[in-house]
């Protein structure tokens, strides 16, 4: 069953239409369901809505759970703003925009708190959820904000899949986040990268690989680093088609 509804994001003062998948018999089954929050939710279910015409294909996986797809903000550089906890420095800003604009980002923690404090209570109130079994998923900048949510609020988002993270936006800040994080509440943190994240551009691939390695190395020094499952996919590019192939991997880890 697919349900759409509009939620007001109080602190950010904007509305967002979200798409919810729930099992057809959720109201009568007597069961409580885990919930997965999906960033870049326009790519979650339907090819015709997804970037590049390829969705992640979540509807093809018949796990008994509720999935909440949150589309990104399509305004100019607003995806970077909502998925960016900090503002980018001048060099990254120029790399992304081609101009010395004000730094990108800065709304990320408010966005995560919207999910934690407004959207999740709404879903838990309207659906028969297992409120303690909550996952968050995303790729690229959406992977960044999913990773941030899990490390900043691990008691809420105890399962996380952060694919092909663009840590190069804020490598130092993410390493500091890891250093101060408590991994014990995390049940599973799935992370990955492809060896062709630049889609043929070696400079961009190296950006992804180098800063992913910095964050990964910091994670491996932490207590409870055994909660992390990190994988490398040979030849995999940075696109929805590649990420779609990895959905069964983390779905199996989350919902064996």
C-alpha atoms as a PDB file:
ATOM      1  CA  UNK A   1       0.000   0.000   0.000  1.00  0.00           C
ATOM      2  CA  UNK A   2       1.310   3.425  -1.004  1.00  0.00           C
ATOM      3  CA  UNK A   3       0.210   6.499   0.925  1.00  0.00           C
ATOM      4  CA  UNK A   4       1.213  10.105   0.292  1.00  0.00           C
ATOM      5  CA  UNK A   5       0.914  12.928   2.778  1.00  0.00           C
ATOM      6  CA  UNK A   6       2.362  16.359   3.380  1.00  0.00           C
ATOM      7  CA  UNK A   7       4.323  17.170   6.536  1.00  0.00           C
ATOM      8  CA  UNK A   8       5.282  20.635   7.741  1.00  0.00           C
ATOM      9  CA  UNK A   9       8.940  21.020   8.716  1.00  0.00           C
ATOM     10  CA  UNK A  10       8.539  23.471  11.577  1.00  0.00           C
ATOM     11  CA  UNK A  11      12.084  24.710  12.124  1.00  0.00           C
ATOM     12  CA  UNK A  12      12.843  24.873   8.404  1.00  0.00           C
ATOM     13  CA  UNK A  13       9.422  26.457   7.717  1.00  0.00           C
ATOM     14  CA  UNK A  14       8.609  24.428   4.620  1.00  0.00           C
ATOM     15  CA  UNK A  15       6.342  21.572   3.622  1.00  0.00           C
ATOM     16  CA  UNK A  16       7.376  18.210   2.197  1.00  0.00           C
ATOM     17  CA  UNK A  17       5.233  15.595   0.523  1.00  0.00           C
ATOM     18  CA  UNK A  18       6.363  12.157   1.607  1.00  0.00           C
ATOM     19  CA  UNK A  19       5.528   8.706   0.283  1.00  0.00           C
ATOM     20  CA  UNK A  20       4.889   5.842   2.692  1.00  0.00           C
ATOM     21  CA  UNK A  21       4.882   2.140   1.881  1.00  0.00           C
ATOM     22  CA  UNK A  22       3.037  -0.084   4.371  1.00  0.00           C
ATOM     23  CA  UNK A  23       2.037  -3.769   4.069  1.00  0.00           C
ATOM     24  CA  UNK A  24      -1.503  -4.090   2.738  1.00  0.00           C
ATOM     25  CA  UNK A  25      -2.749  -5.679   5.963  1.00  0.00           C
ATOM     26  CA  UNK A  26      -0.869  -3.390   8.351  1.00  0.00           C
ATOM     27  CA  UNK A  27      -4.085  -2.208  10.054  1.00  0.00           C
ATOM     28  CA  UNK A  28      -5.419  -5.711  10.744  1.00  0.00           C
ATOM     29  CA  UNK A  29      -2.331  -7.931  11.100  1.00  0.00           C
ATOM     30  CA  UNK A  30      -1.826  -7.216  14.791  1.00  0.00           C
ATOM     31  CA  UNK A  31       1.876  -6.797  14.112  1.00  0.00           C
ATOM     32  CA  UNK A  32       4.263  -3.957  14.777  1.00  0.00           C
ATOM     33  CA  UNK A  33       6.635  -3.076  11.961  1.00  0.00           C
ATOM     34  CA  UNK A  34      10.163  -1.711  11.753  1.00  0.00           C
ATOM     35  CA  UNK A  35      10.462   1.590   9.903  1.00  0.00           C
ATOM     36  CA  UNK A  36      13.022   2.701   7.329  1.00  0.00           C
ATOM     37  CA  UNK A  37      13.429   6.400   6.459  1.00  0.00           C
ATOM     38  CA  UNK A  38      14.812   6.908   2.941  1.00  0.00           C
ATOM     39  CA  UNK A  39      16.530  10.142   1.948  1.00  0.00           C
ATOM     40  CA  UNK A  40      16.293  11.234  -1.700  1.00  0.00           C
ATOM     41  CA  UNK A  41      12.976   9.441  -1.493  1.00  0.00           C
ATOM     42  CA  UNK A  42      12.042  10.410  -5.058  1.00  0.00           C
ATOM     43  CA  UNK A  43      14.418   7.592  -6.052  1.00  0.00           C
ATOM     44  CA  UNK A  44      12.986   4.974  -3.699  1.00  0.00           C
ATOM     45  CA  UNK A  45      10.069   3.289  -5.459  1.00  0.00           C
ATOM     46  CA  UNK A  46       9.238   4.352  -9.006  1.00  0.00           C
ATOM     47  CA  UNK A  47      11.554   4.521 -12.008  1.00  0.00           C
ATOM     48  CA  UNK A  48       9.528   7.304 -13.623  1.00  0.00           C
ATOM     49  CA  UNK A  49      10.144   9.558 -10.603  1.00  0.00           C
ATOM     50  CA  UNK A  50      13.784   8.660 -10.055  1.00  0.00           C
ATOM     51  CA  UNK A  51      16.859  10.537 -11.193  1.00  0.00           C
ATOM     52  CA  UNK A  52      18.070   8.991 -14.439  1.00  0.00           C
ATOM     53  CA  UNK A  53      14.924   6.857 -14.678  1.00  0.00           C
ATOM     54  CA  UNK A  54      16.216   4.144 -12.323  1.00  0.00           C
ATOM     55  CA  UNK A  55      14.829   3.764  -8.799  1.00  0.00           C
ATOM     56  CA  UNK A  56      16.304   1.813  -5.918  1.00  0.00           C
ATOM     57  CA  UNK A  57      13.519  -0.723  -6.406  1.00  0.00           C
ATOM     58  CA  UNK A  58      12.478  -0.980  -2.772  1.00  0.00           C
ATOM     59  CA  UNK A  59       9.016  -2.218  -3.757  1.00  0.00           C
ATOM     60  CA  UNK A  60      10.625  -5.353  -5.146  1.00  0.00           C
ATOM     61  CA  UNK A  61      11.724  -6.393  -1.667  1.00  0.00           C
ATOM     62  CA  UNK A  62       8.864  -7.895   0.293  1.00  0.00           C
ATOM     63  CA  UNK A  63      10.224  -7.265   3.761  1.00  0.00           C
ATOM     64  CA  UNK A  64       7.570  -6.714   6.394  1.00  0.00           C
ATOM     65  CA  UNK A  65       8.317  -3.120   7.232  1.00  0.00           C
ATOM     66  CA  UNK A  66       7.113   0.428   6.739  1.00  0.00           C
ATOM     67  CA  UNK A  67       9.210   2.598   4.416  1.00  0.00           C
ATOM     68  CA  UNK A  68       9.025   6.384   4.525  1.00  0.00           C
ATOM     69  CA  UNK A  69      10.474   8.077   1.432  1.00  0.00           C
ATOM     70  CA  UNK A  70      11.427  11.729   1.919  1.00  0.00           C
ATOM     71  CA  UNK A  71      12.217  13.466  -1.377  1.00  0.00           C
ATOM     72  CA  UNK A  72      15.026  15.969  -1.417  1.00  0.00           C
ATOM     73  CA  UNK A  73      14.511  19.711  -1.714  1.00  0.00           C
ATOM     74  CA  UNK A  74      14.761  20.464  -5.449  1.00  0.00           C
ATOM     75  CA  UNK A  75      15.434  24.188  -5.016  1.00  0.00           C
ATOM     76  CA  UNK A  76      18.806  25.553  -6.199  1.00  0.00           C
ATOM     77  CA  UNK A  77      21.476  24.073  -3.873  1.00  0.00           C
ATOM     78  CA  UNK A  78      18.769  23.243  -1.325  1.00  0.00           C
ATOM     79  CA  UNK A  79      19.567  19.532  -1.394  1.00  0.00           C
ATOM     80  CA  UNK A  80      23.111  20.431  -0.360  1.00  0.00           C
ATOM     81  CA  UNK A  81      21.683  22.713   2.325  1.00  0.00           C
ATOM     82  CA  UNK A  82      19.352  20.157   3.925  1.00  0.00           C
ATOM     83  CA  UNK A  83      21.838  17.312   3.643  1.00  0.00           C
ATOM     84  CA  UNK A  84      24.771  19.432   4.835  1.00  0.00           C
ATOM     85  CA  UNK A  85      25.241  19.794   8.575  1.00  0.00           C
ATOM     86  CA  UNK A  86      27.985  22.381   8.179  1.00  0.00           C
ATOM     87  CA  UNK A  87      28.749  24.965   5.511  1.00  0.00           C
ATOM     88  CA  UNK A  88      31.293  24.071   2.882  1.00  0.00           C
ATOM     89  CA  UNK A  89      34.542  25.983   2.670  1.00  0.00           C
ATOM     90  CA  UNK A  90      35.337  28.255  -0.267  1.00  0.00           C
ATOM     91  CA  UNK A  91      37.180  25.608  -2.323  1.00  0.00           C
ATOM     92  CA  UNK A  92      34.347  23.059  -2.124  1.00  0.00           C
ATOM     93  CA  UNK A  93      31.769  25.755  -2.816  1.00  0.00           C
ATOM     94  CA  UNK A  94      33.573  26.812  -5.995  1.00  0.00           C
ATOM     95  CA  UNK A  95      33.988  23.168  -7.030  1.00  0.00           C
ATOM     96  CA  UNK A  96      30.227  22.611  -6.697  1.00  0.00           C
ATOM     97  CA  UNK A  97      28.866  25.920  -8.035  1.00  0.00           C
ATOM     98  CA  UNK A  98      31.679  27.293 -10.166  1.00  0.00           C
ATOM     99  CA  UNK A  99      31.360  30.578  -8.270  1.00  0.00           C
ATOM    100  CA  UNK A 100      32.554  31.900  -4.888  1.00  0.00           C
ATOM    101  CA  UNK A 101      29.050  31.628  -3.420  1.00  0.00           C
ATOM    102  CA  UNK A 102      28.378  31.596   0.319  1.00  0.00           C
ATOM    103  CA  UNK A 103      29.075  28.150   1.743  1.00  0.00           C
ATOM    104  CA  UNK A 104      26.629  25.362   0.922  1.00  0.00           C
ATOM    105  CA  UNK A 105      24.899  23.471   3.711  1.00  0.00           C
ATOM    106  CA  UNK A 106      24.040  24.299   7.264  1.00  0.00           C
ATOM    107  CA  UNK A 107      20.492  22.950   7.636  1.00  0.00           C
ATOM    108  CA  UNK A 108      21.429  19.316   8.149  1.00  0.00           C
ATOM    109  CA  UNK A 109      20.946  18.995  11.888  1.00  0.00           C
ATOM    110  CA  UNK A 110      17.586  20.796  11.681  1.00  0.00           C
ATOM    111  CA  UNK A 111      16.576  18.378   8.900  1.00  0.00           C
ATOM    112  CA  UNK A 112      17.557  15.339  10.981  1.00  0.00           C
ATOM    113  CA  UNK A 113      15.701  16.730  13.986  1.00  0.00           C
ATOM    114  CA  UNK A 114      12.646  17.119  11.746  1.00  0.00           C
ATOM    115  CA  UNK A 115      12.780  13.376  11.073  1.00  0.00           C
ATOM    116  CA  UNK A 116      13.470  12.548  14.724  1.00  0.00           C
ATOM    117  CA  UNK A 117      11.109  14.969  16.455  1.00  0.00           C
ATOM    118  CA  UNK A 118       8.268  15.491  13.950  1.00  0.00           C
ATOM    119  CA  UNK A 119       8.131  12.865  11.211  1.00  0.00           C
ATOM    120  CA  UNK A 120       8.972   9.818  13.324  1.00  0.00           C
ATOM    121  CA  UNK A 121       6.384  10.639  16.035  1.00  0.00           C
ATOM    122  CA  UNK A 122       3.801  11.137  13.280  1.00  0.00           C
ATOM    123  CA  UNK A 123       4.595   7.751  11.712  1.00  0.00           C
ATOM    124  CA  UNK A 124       4.661   6.034  15.118  1.00  0.00           C
ATOM    125  CA  UNK A 125       1.275   7.563  15.933  1.00  0.00           C
ATOM    126  CA  UNK A 126      -0.443   6.752  12.627  1.00  0.00           C
ATOM    127  CA  UNK A 127       0.993   3.266  11.984  1.00  0.00           C
ATOM    128  CA  UNK A 128       1.654   0.160  14.116  1.00  0.00           C
ATOM    129  CA  UNK A 129       5.420   0.601  14.315  1.00  0.00           C
ATOM    130  CA  UNK A 130       8.132  -0.947  16.402  1.00  0.00           C
ATOM    131  CA  UNK A 131       9.396   2.454  17.482  1.00  0.00           C
ATOM    132  CA  UNK A 132      12.727   1.007  18.623  1.00  0.00           C
ATOM    133  CA  UNK A 133      13.537  -0.537  15.233  1.00  0.00           C
ATOM    134  CA  UNK A 134      14.308   2.476  13.040  1.00  0.00           C
ATOM    135  CA  UNK A 135      16.631   2.621  10.036  1.00  0.00           C
ATOM    136  CA  UNK A 136      17.797   5.534   7.907  1.00  0.00           C
ATOM    137  CA  UNK A 137      19.176   5.197   4.377  1.00  0.00           C
ATOM    138  CA  UNK A 138      20.784   7.422   1.767  1.00  0.00           C
ATOM    139  CA  UNK A 139      23.474   7.757  -0.862  1.00  0.00           C
ATOM    140  CA  UNK A 140      26.040  10.436  -1.709  1.00  0.00           C
ATOM    141  CA  UNK A 141      24.976  13.612   0.149  1.00  0.00           C
ATOM    142  CA  UNK A 142      21.930  11.630   1.291  1.00  0.00           C
ATOM    143  CA  UNK A 143      24.389   9.086   2.665  1.00  0.00           C
ATOM    144  CA  UNK A 144      26.169  11.884   4.504  1.00  0.00           C
ATOM    145  CA  UNK A 145      23.027  12.990   6.323  1.00  0.00           C
ATOM    146  CA  UNK A 146      22.028   9.384   7.065  1.00  0.00           C
ATOM    147  CA  UNK A 147      25.483   8.752   8.535  1.00  0.00           C
ATOM    148  CA  UNK A 148      25.232  11.944  10.590  1.00  0.00           C
ATOM    149  CA  UNK A 149      21.796  10.963  11.919  1.00  0.00           C
ATOM    150  CA  UNK A 150      23.024   7.532  13.010  1.00  0.00           C
ATOM    151  CA  UNK A 151      26.144   8.842  14.762  1.00  0.00           C
ATOM    152  CA  UNK A 152      24.473  11.887  16.301  1.00  0.00           C
ATOM    153  CA  UNK A 153      21.308  10.072  17.421  1.00  0.00           C
ATOM    154  CA  UNK A 154      22.193   6.339  17.497  1.00  0.00           C
ATOM    155  CA  UNK A 155      19.577   5.631  20.144  1.00  0.00           C
ATOM    156  CA  UNK A 156      16.952   6.652  17.537  1.00  0.00           C
ATOM    157  CA  UNK A 157      18.471   5.535  14.221  1.00  0.00           C
ATOM    158  CA  UNK A 158      19.997   2.235  15.274  1.00  0.00           C
ATOM    159  CA  UNK A 159      20.310   0.940  11.702  1.00  0.00           C
ATOM    160  CA  UNK A 160      21.883   2.947   8.906  1.00  0.00           C
ATOM    161  CA  UNK A 161      22.881   2.368   5.300  1.00  0.00           C
ATOM    162  CA  UNK A 162      25.179   5.134   4.026  1.00  0.00           C
ATOM    163  CA  UNK A 163      26.137   4.408   0.421  1.00  0.00           C
ATOM    164  CA  UNK A 164      28.870   6.197  -1.560  1.00  0.00           C
ATOM    165  CA  UNK A 165      29.100   9.020   0.984  1.00  0.00           C
ATOM    166  CA  UNK A 166      30.390  12.394  -0.218  1.00  0.00           C
ATOM    167  CA  UNK A 167      32.478  12.975   2.895  1.00  0.00           C
ATOM    168  CA  UNK A 168      34.746  15.244   0.865  1.00  0.00           C
ATOM    169  CA  UNK A 169      32.272  18.078   1.508  1.00  0.00           C
ATOM    170  CA  UNK A 170      33.337  18.157   5.183  1.00  0.00           C
ATOM    171  CA  UNK A 171      36.049  15.543   5.900  1.00  0.00           C
ATOM    172  CA  UNK A 172      37.418  17.116   9.082  1.00  0.00           C
ATOM    173  CA  UNK A 173      33.961  17.609  10.572  1.00  0.00           C
ATOM    174  CA  UNK A 174      32.974  14.013   9.889  1.00  0.00           C
ATOM    175  CA  UNK A 175      36.155  12.666  11.471  1.00  0.00           C
ATOM    176  CA  UNK A 176      35.442  14.772  14.577  1.00  0.00           C
ATOM    177  CA  UNK A 177      31.864  13.485  14.592  1.00  0.00           C
ATOM    178  CA  UNK A 178      33.182   9.917  14.601  1.00  0.00           C
ATOM    179  CA  UNK A 179      35.694  10.661  17.349  1.00  0.00           C
ATOM    180  CA  UNK A 180      32.939  11.928  19.657  1.00  0.00           C
ATOM    181  CA  UNK A 181      30.332   9.300  18.775  1.00  0.00           C
ATOM    182  CA  UNK A 182      29.133   6.352  20.844  1.00  0.00           C
ATOM    183  CA  UNK A 183      28.684   3.356  18.540  1.00  0.00           C
ATOM    184  CA  UNK A 184      27.223   1.050  21.180  1.00  0.00           C
ATOM    185  CA  UNK A 185      23.520   1.855  20.466  1.00  0.00           C
ATOM    186  CA  UNK A 186      24.013   1.146  16.751  1.00  0.00           C
ATOM    187  CA  UNK A 187      22.860  -2.298  15.727  1.00  0.00           C
ATOM    188  CA  UNK A 188      24.355  -2.042  12.241  1.00  0.00           C
ATOM    189  CA  UNK A 189      26.032   0.695  10.235  1.00  0.00           C
ATOM    190  CA  UNK A 190      26.370  -0.416   6.629  1.00  0.00           C
ATOM    191  CA  UNK A 191      28.740   1.645   4.478  1.00  0.00           C
ATOM    192  CA  UNK A 192      30.134   1.138   1.010  1.00  0.00           C
ATOM    193  CA  UNK A 193      31.780   2.724  -1.976  1.00  0.00           C
ATOM    194  CA  UNK A 194      32.432   1.843  -5.591  1.00  0.00           C
ATOM    195  CA  UNK A 195      35.840   2.024  -7.197  1.00  0.00           C
ATOM    196  CA  UNK A 196      34.485   4.348  -9.914  1.00  0.00           C
ATOM    197  CA  UNK A 197      32.581   6.935  -7.871  1.00  0.00           C
ATOM    198  CA  UNK A 198      33.682   9.634 -10.307  1.00  0.00           C
ATOM    199  CA  UNK A 199      31.980   7.835 -13.217  1.00  0.00           C
ATOM    200  CA  UNK A 200      35.221   7.903 -15.155  1.00  0.00           C
ATOM    201  CA  UNK A 201      36.654  11.083 -13.601  1.00  0.00           C
ATOM    202  CA  UNK A 202      39.700   9.956 -11.617  1.00  0.00           C
ATOM    203  CA  UNK A 203      39.944  13.223  -9.683  1.00  0.00           C
ATOM    204  CA  UNK A 204      36.391  12.871  -8.340  1.00  0.00           C
ATOM    205  CA  UNK A 205      36.880   9.158  -7.621  1.00  0.00           C
ATOM    206  CA  UNK A 206      39.961  10.004  -5.572  1.00  0.00           C
ATOM    207  CA  UNK A 207      37.994  12.633  -3.624  1.00  0.00           C
ATOM    208  CA  UNK A 208      35.443  10.022  -2.605  1.00  0.00           C
ATOM    209  CA  UNK A 209      37.996   7.327  -1.859  1.00  0.00           C
ATOM    210  CA  UNK A 210      40.434   9.449   0.158  1.00  0.00           C
ATOM    211  CA  UNK A 211      37.902  11.043   2.488  1.00  0.00           C
ATOM    212  CA  UNK A 212      35.922   7.818   2.850  1.00  0.00           C
ATOM    213  CA  UNK A 213      39.174   6.219   4.012  1.00  0.00           C
ATOM    214  CA  UNK A 214      39.712   8.985   6.587  1.00  0.00           C
ATOM    215  CA  UNK A 215      36.271   8.424   8.085  1.00  0.00           C
ATOM    216  CA  UNK A 216      36.550   4.641   7.901  1.00  0.00           C
ATOM    217  CA  UNK A 217      39.931   4.635   9.639  1.00  0.00           C
ATOM    218  CA  UNK A 218      38.514   6.813  12.412  1.00  0.00           C
ATOM    219  CA  UNK A 219      35.579   4.428  12.826  1.00  0.00           C
ATOM    220  CA  UNK A 220      37.866   1.413  13.097  1.00  0.00           C
ATOM    221  CA  UNK A 221      39.593   2.894  16.157  1.00  0.00           C
ATOM    222  CA  UNK A 222      36.280   3.101  18.020  1.00  0.00           C
ATOM    223  CA  UNK A 223      34.872   0.710  20.584  1.00  0.00           C
ATOM    224  CA  UNK A 224      32.028  -1.309  19.038  1.00  0.00           C
ATOM    225  CA  UNK A 225      33.465  -0.901  15.534  1.00  0.00           C
ATOM    226  CA  UNK A 226      32.242  -4.468  14.989  1.00  0.00           C
ATOM    227  CA  UNK A 227      28.814  -2.889  14.427  1.00  0.00           C
ATOM    228  CA  UNK A 228      30.095  -1.562  11.077  1.00  0.00           C
ATOM    229  CA  UNK A 229      29.832  -3.444   7.802  1.00  0.00           C
ATOM    230  CA  UNK A 230      31.935  -1.737   5.109  1.00  0.00           C
ATOM    231  CA  UNK A 231      32.136  -3.001   1.528  1.00  0.00           C
ATOM    232  CA  UNK A 232      33.871  -1.982  -1.698  1.00  0.00           C
ATOM    233  CA  UNK A 233      32.307  -2.732  -5.086  1.00  0.00           C
ATOM    234  CA  UNK A 234      34.747  -3.093  -7.945  1.00  0.00           C
ATOM    235  CA  UNK A 235      33.861  -0.902 -10.932  1.00  0.00           C
ATOM    236  CA  UNK A 236      30.661   0.447  -9.340  1.00  0.00           C
ATOM    237  CA  UNK A 237      29.708   3.958 -10.407  1.00  0.00           C
ATOM    238  CA  UNK A 238      27.974   6.782  -8.551  1.00  0.00           C
ATOM    239  CA  UNK A 239      24.348   6.417  -9.631  1.00  0.00           C
ATOM    240  CA  UNK A 240      20.995   4.914  -8.704  1.00  0.00           C
ATOM    241  CA  UNK A 241      21.573   1.851 -10.862  1.00  0.00           C
ATOM    242  CA  UNK A 242      24.652   0.954  -8.822  1.00  0.00           C
ATOM    243  CA  UNK A 243      22.927   1.624  -5.498  1.00  0.00           C
ATOM    244  CA  UNK A 244      19.911  -0.441  -6.512  1.00  0.00           C
ATOM    245  CA  UNK A 245      22.194  -3.471  -6.692  1.00  0.00           C
ATOM    246  CA  UNK A 246      23.213  -2.976  -3.052  1.00  0.00           C
ATOM    247  CA  UNK A 247      19.696  -2.693  -1.592  1.00  0.00           C
ATOM    248  CA  UNK A 248      19.401  -6.479  -1.007  1.00  0.00           C
ATOM    249  CA  UNK A 249      22.717  -6.424   0.866  1.00  0.00           C
ATOM    250  CA  UNK A 250      21.721  -3.990   3.593  1.00  0.00           C
ATOM    251  CA  UNK A 251      18.089  -5.123   3.644  1.00  0.00           C
ATOM    252  CA  UNK A 252      19.354  -8.597   4.528  1.00  0.00           C
ATOM    253  CA  UNK A 253      21.604  -7.168   7.247  1.00  0.00           C
ATOM    254  CA  UNK A 254      18.742  -5.128   8.720  1.00  0.00           C
ATOM    255  CA  UNK A 255      15.915  -7.669   8.422  1.00  0.00           C
ATOM    256  CA  UNK A 256      17.354 -11.148   8.293  1.00  0.00           C
END
